[in-house]
Amino acid sequence: MSKPRRGSNAKKILNWRGTCPICNRKSVKILWTAIQNERSIKVCKHCGN
């Protein structure tokens, strides 16, 4: 049975999918924050953990 509202909160955020600035993966979810050079940036799940 599928879940029709899966990821609906993520899709409300602008630019939620793109290229990760750390690992350069393309077309991934950019929802997690990481601190780099005393600034917080949005990164993919693999770089955010």
Protein backbone atom coordinates (compact mmCIF):
# COMPACT_ATOMS: atom_id res chain seq x y z
CA MET A 1 0.00 0.00 0.00
CA SER A 2 1.55 3.31 -1.03
CA LYS A 3 1.58 6.45 1.08
CA PRO A 4 0.34 9.39 -1.02
CA ARG A 5 1.66 12.12 1.28
CA ARG A 6 5.21 10.83 1.73
CA GLY A 7 7.66 13.72 1.53
CA SER A 8 4.98 16.39 1.31
CA ASN A 9 6.70 18.56 3.96
CA ALA A 10 10.00 18.44 2.09
CA LYS A 11 8.39 19.52 -1.16
CA LYS A 12 7.06 22.72 0.46
CA ILE A 13 10.64 23.99 0.92
CA LEU A 14 12.07 25.93 -2.00
CA ASN A 15 15.11 24.35 -3.67
CA TRP A 16 14.73 21.11 -1.72
CA ARG A 17 16.40 19.08 -4.44
CA GLY A 18 19.72 19.92 -6.05
CA THR A 19 23.47 19.36 -5.95
CA CYS A 20 25.21 18.86 -2.61
CA PRO A 21 27.98 21.44 -2.10
CA ILE A 22 30.24 18.99 -0.24
CA CYS A 23 30.09 15.70 -2.18
CA ASN A 24 28.72 17.12 -5.49
CA ARG A 25 25.97 14.50 -5.81
CA LYS A 26 23.35 15.65 -8.24
CA SER A 27 19.57 15.63 -7.83
CA VAL A 28 19.48 14.72 -4.11
CA LYS A 29 17.42 16.12 -1.24
CA ILE A 30 19.18 19.10 0.33
CA LEU A 31 17.45 19.23 3.73
CA TRP A 32 20.12 18.71 6.38
CA THR A 33 22.35 21.43 7.79
CA ALA A 34 26.10 21.23 8.31
CA ILE A 35 28.55 23.80 9.63
CA GLN A 36 31.44 24.69 7.34
CA ASN A 37 33.76 27.65 7.96
CA GLU A 38 31.46 28.88 10.76
CA ARG A 39 28.48 29.02 8.36
CA SER A 40 25.55 26.66 8.15
CA ILE A 41 24.88 25.19 4.71
CA LYS A 42 22.25 22.78 3.42
CA VAL A 43 23.67 19.36 2.46
CA CYS A 44 22.48 15.87 1.51
CA LYS A 45 21.73 13.13 4.02
CA HIS A 46 25.13 11.43 3.66
CA CYS A 47 27.07 14.62 4.39
CA GLY A 48 24.69 15.78 7.13
CA ASN A 49 25.17 12.76 9.38
